Amino acid sequence: MVRIGIIALLILMQALFGAPQYLLEPDGYWIRALSYSFFHGNWWHLAVNALAVWTIYDPKRCKPCRDLLFPFLFAVLVYPLSFRPVIGFSNILYAALGMRTPPLGSPWWRQTPVLVFLAVTVALVFIPRFSATTHIAAFALGIAGAYAARWWNKISRDARRYY
């Protein structure tokens, strides 16, 4: 239901607004930073992001904070790193994937999807109008968020042991 809701929201925003002109103007920084993820340049861009949403957001494993709220906040944080106006849901997707990264001590087969994902991202650098900086930064923030969550869980688990 979560992924259908996200895709429906993205389609509705595209159908109603397309890519609003205010996303390209220098004024209204925070409005752009908070809203750019929900607009797409064209229907093809939306279709690619909808396919990624369908692939990434497994209804059985989706947790609202981990998979929606924190990736959205990370996407807002990386917005200043773009050298040109950016739009699209992919920064949220990159952050969500970063948050699902297995720990470094995991067996190599668990690390392989992350390495393939990073290789594809590096290959996308050569596509015009692709903001690799924000995508890689969102992925890195997602990884940092995952490690912070693991650290917090360990601390809280250790603290509960003494009470």
Protein backbone atom coordinates (compact mmCIF):
# COMPACT_ATOMS: atom_id res chain seq x y z
CA MET A 1 0.00 0.00 0.00
CA VAL A 2 2.90 2.35 0.74
CA ARG A 3 4.46 2.04 -2.68
CA ILE A 4 1.11 2.42 -4.44
CA GLY A 5 0.45 5.55 -2.37
CA ILE A 6 3.85 7.03 -3.22
CA ILE A 7 3.47 6.30 -6.93
CA ALA A 8 -0.09 7.70 -6.93
CA LEU A 9 1.13 10.89 -5.22
CA LEU A 10 3.94 11.31 -7.76
CA ILE A 11 1.60 10.74 -10.71
CA LEU A 12 -0.93 13.21 -9.28
CA MET A 13 1.75 15.88 -8.74
CA GLN A 14 3.05 15.37 -12.29
CA ALA A 15 -0.43 15.49 -13.82
CA LEU A 16 -1.45 18.61 -11.90
CA PHE A 17 1.74 20.64 -11.94
CA GLY A 18 4.41 19.10 -14.19
CA ALA A 19 7.69 20.76 -13.17
CA PRO A 20 6.66 24.09 -11.61
CA GLN A 21 8.59 27.14 -12.72
CA TYR A 22 9.37 28.16 -9.13
CA LEU A 23 11.75 25.19 -8.88
CA LEU A 24 14.00 26.93 -11.39
CA GLU A 25 13.93 30.38 -9.81
CA PRO A 26 16.53 31.51 -7.26
CA ASP A 27 13.99 32.76 -4.68
CA GLY A 28 12.17 30.58 -2.17
CA TYR A 29 15.02 28.26 -1.24
CA TRP A 30 13.22 26.28 1.47
CA ILE A 31 10.09 25.79 -0.60
CA ARG A 32 12.24 24.33 -3.38
CA ALA A 33 14.24 22.17 -0.95
CA LEU A 34 11.09 20.73 0.61
CA SER A 35 9.17 20.15 -2.61
CA TYR A 36 11.64 19.23 -5.37
CA SER A 37 11.39 15.50 -4.67
CA PHE A 38 7.73 15.35 -5.65
CA PHE A 39 8.08 16.82 -9.16
CA HIS A 40 9.64 15.33 -12.27
CA GLY A 41 10.92 16.78 -15.52
CA ASN A 42 8.77 14.57 -17.72
CA TRP A 43 6.73 11.36 -17.69
CA TRP A 44 9.74 9.21 -18.53
CA HIS A 45 11.57 10.54 -15.46
CA LEU A 46 8.50 9.80 -13.36
CA ALA A 47 8.22 6.27 -14.80
CA VAL A 48 11.83 5.45 -13.92
CA ASN A 49 11.36 6.72 -10.36
CA ALA A 50 8.03 4.86 -10.05
CA LEU A 51 9.75 1.64 -11.10
CA ALA A 52 12.44 2.26 -8.48
CA VAL A 53 9.77 2.92 -5.83
CA TRP A 54 8.04 -0.33 -6.77
CA THR A 55 11.36 -2.18 -6.48
CA ILE A 56 12.65 -0.61 -3.27
CA TYR A 57 9.57 -0.28 -1.07
CA ASP A 58 8.63 -3.81 -0.09
CA PRO A 59 5.26 -3.60 1.73
CA LYS A 60 6.30 -6.28 4.23
CA ARG A 61 9.50 -4.51 5.24
CA CYS A 62 8.54 -0.84 4.93
CA LYS A 63 8.92 1.20 8.12
CA PRO A 64 7.65 4.79 7.86
CA CYS A 65 10.53 6.52 9.65
CA ARG A 66 13.32 4.46 8.13
CA ASP A 67 11.98 4.31 4.60
CA LEU A 68 10.07 7.59 4.23
CA LEU A 69 10.73 10.28 6.83
CA PHE A 70 14.51 10.03 7.24
CA PRO A 71 15.20 9.65 3.50
CA PHE A 72 13.02 12.72 2.85
CA LEU A 73 14.98 14.71 5.45
CA PHE A 74 18.27 13.53 3.91
CA ALA A 75 17.05 14.61 0.46
CA VAL A 76 16.28 18.07 1.86
CA LEU A 77 19.76 18.22 3.40
CA VAL A 78 21.56 17.36 0.15
CA TYR A 79 19.62 19.91 -1.92
CA PRO A 80 22.27 22.66 -1.45
CA LEU A 81 24.91 20.38 -3.03
CA SER A 82 23.31 20.60 -6.46
CA PHE A 83 25.05 22.84 -8.97
CA ARG A 84 21.83 23.30 -10.92
CA PRO A 85 18.13 22.93 -10.11
CA VAL A 86 17.22 19.32 -9.33
CA ILE A 87 13.86 17.57 -9.29
CA GLY A 88 12.71 14.02 -8.76
CA PHE A 89 12.14 11.38 -6.11
CA SER A 90 15.47 9.66 -6.68
CA ASN A 91 17.35 11.40 -3.84
CA ILE A 92 14.82 9.95 -1.41
CA LEU A 93 15.29 6.54 -3.03
CA TYR A 94 19.08 6.79 -2.77
CA ALA A 95 18.83 7.71 0.92
CA ALA A 96 16.41 4.83 1.56
CA LEU A 97 18.80 2.41 -0.12
CA GLY A 98 21.67 3.79 1.93
CA MET A 99 19.69 3.17 5.10
CA ARG A 100 19.28 -0.48 4.09
CA THR A 101 22.99 -1.00 3.57
CA PRO A 102 24.24 -3.99 5.57
CA PRO A 103 27.01 -3.45 8.13
CA LEU A 104 30.59 -3.50 6.82
CA GLY A 105 31.34 -6.77 8.59
CA SER A 106 28.62 -8.57 6.63
CA PRO A 107 29.52 -11.35 4.19
CA TRP A 108 30.53 -10.20 0.70
CA TRP A 109 27.28 -11.34 -0.94
CA ARG A 110 25.33 -8.89 1.19
CA GLN A 111 27.65 -6.06 0.12
CA THR A 112 27.41 -6.86 -3.61
CA PRO A 113 24.10 -4.99 -4.25
CA VAL A 114 25.59 -1.86 -2.67
CA LEU A 115 28.68 -2.05 -4.85
CA VAL A 116 26.61 -2.64 -8.00
CA PHE A 117 24.38 0.27 -7.05
CA LEU A 118 27.37 2.59 -6.60
CA ALA A 119 28.85 1.44 -9.93
CA VAL A 120 25.58 2.24 -11.71
CA THR A 121 25.50 5.66 -10.03
CA VAL A 122 29.03 6.42 -11.18
CA ALA A 123 28.02 5.38 -14.71
CA LEU A 124 25.05 7.77 -14.55
CA VAL A 125 27.42 10.69 -14.02
CA PHE A 126 27.79 10.89 -17.80
CA ILE A 127 24.06 11.47 -18.37
CA PRO A 128 23.36 15.16 -18.92
CA ARG A 129 21.30 16.84 -16.20
CA PHE A 130 21.94 14.02 -13.69
CA SER A 131 23.03 15.47 -10.35
CA ALA A 132 25.44 12.79 -9.19
CA THR A 133 26.58 14.91 -6.25
CA THR A 134 23.18 14.98 -4.58
CA HIS A 135 22.48 11.31 -5.32
CA ILE A 136 25.77 10.10 -3.86
CA ALA A 137 25.43 12.46 -0.89
CA ALA A 138 21.89 11.18 -0.19
CA PHE A 139 23.17 7.59 -0.35
CA ALA A 140 26.05 8.46 2.03
CA LEU A 141 23.64 10.18 4.45
CA GLY A 142 21.45 7.07 4.31
CA ILE A 143 24.43 4.90 5.24
CA ALA A 144 25.36 7.29 8.06
CA GLY A 145 21.74 7.20 9.26
CA ALA A 146 21.78 3.40 9.26
CA TYR A 147 24.96 3.31 11.34
CA ALA A 148 23.57 5.93 13.73
CA ALA A 149 20.41 3.85 14.14
CA ARG A 150 22.46 0.70 14.81
CA TRP A 151 24.57 2.58 17.34
CA TRP A 152 21.45 3.99 19.04
CA ASN A 153 19.84 0.54 19.19
CA LYS A 154 22.98 -0.90 20.78
CA ILE A 155 23.13 1.86 23.38
CA SER A 156 19.44 1.59 24.24
CA ARG A 157 19.68 -2.21 24.40
CA ASP A 158 22.69 -1.96 26.74
CA ALA A 159 20.91 0.67 28.88
CA ARG A 160 17.80 -1.49 29.25
CA ARG A 161 19.97 -4.28 30.56
CA TYR A 162 20.74 -2.23 33.71
CA TYR A 163 17.18 -1.16 34.50
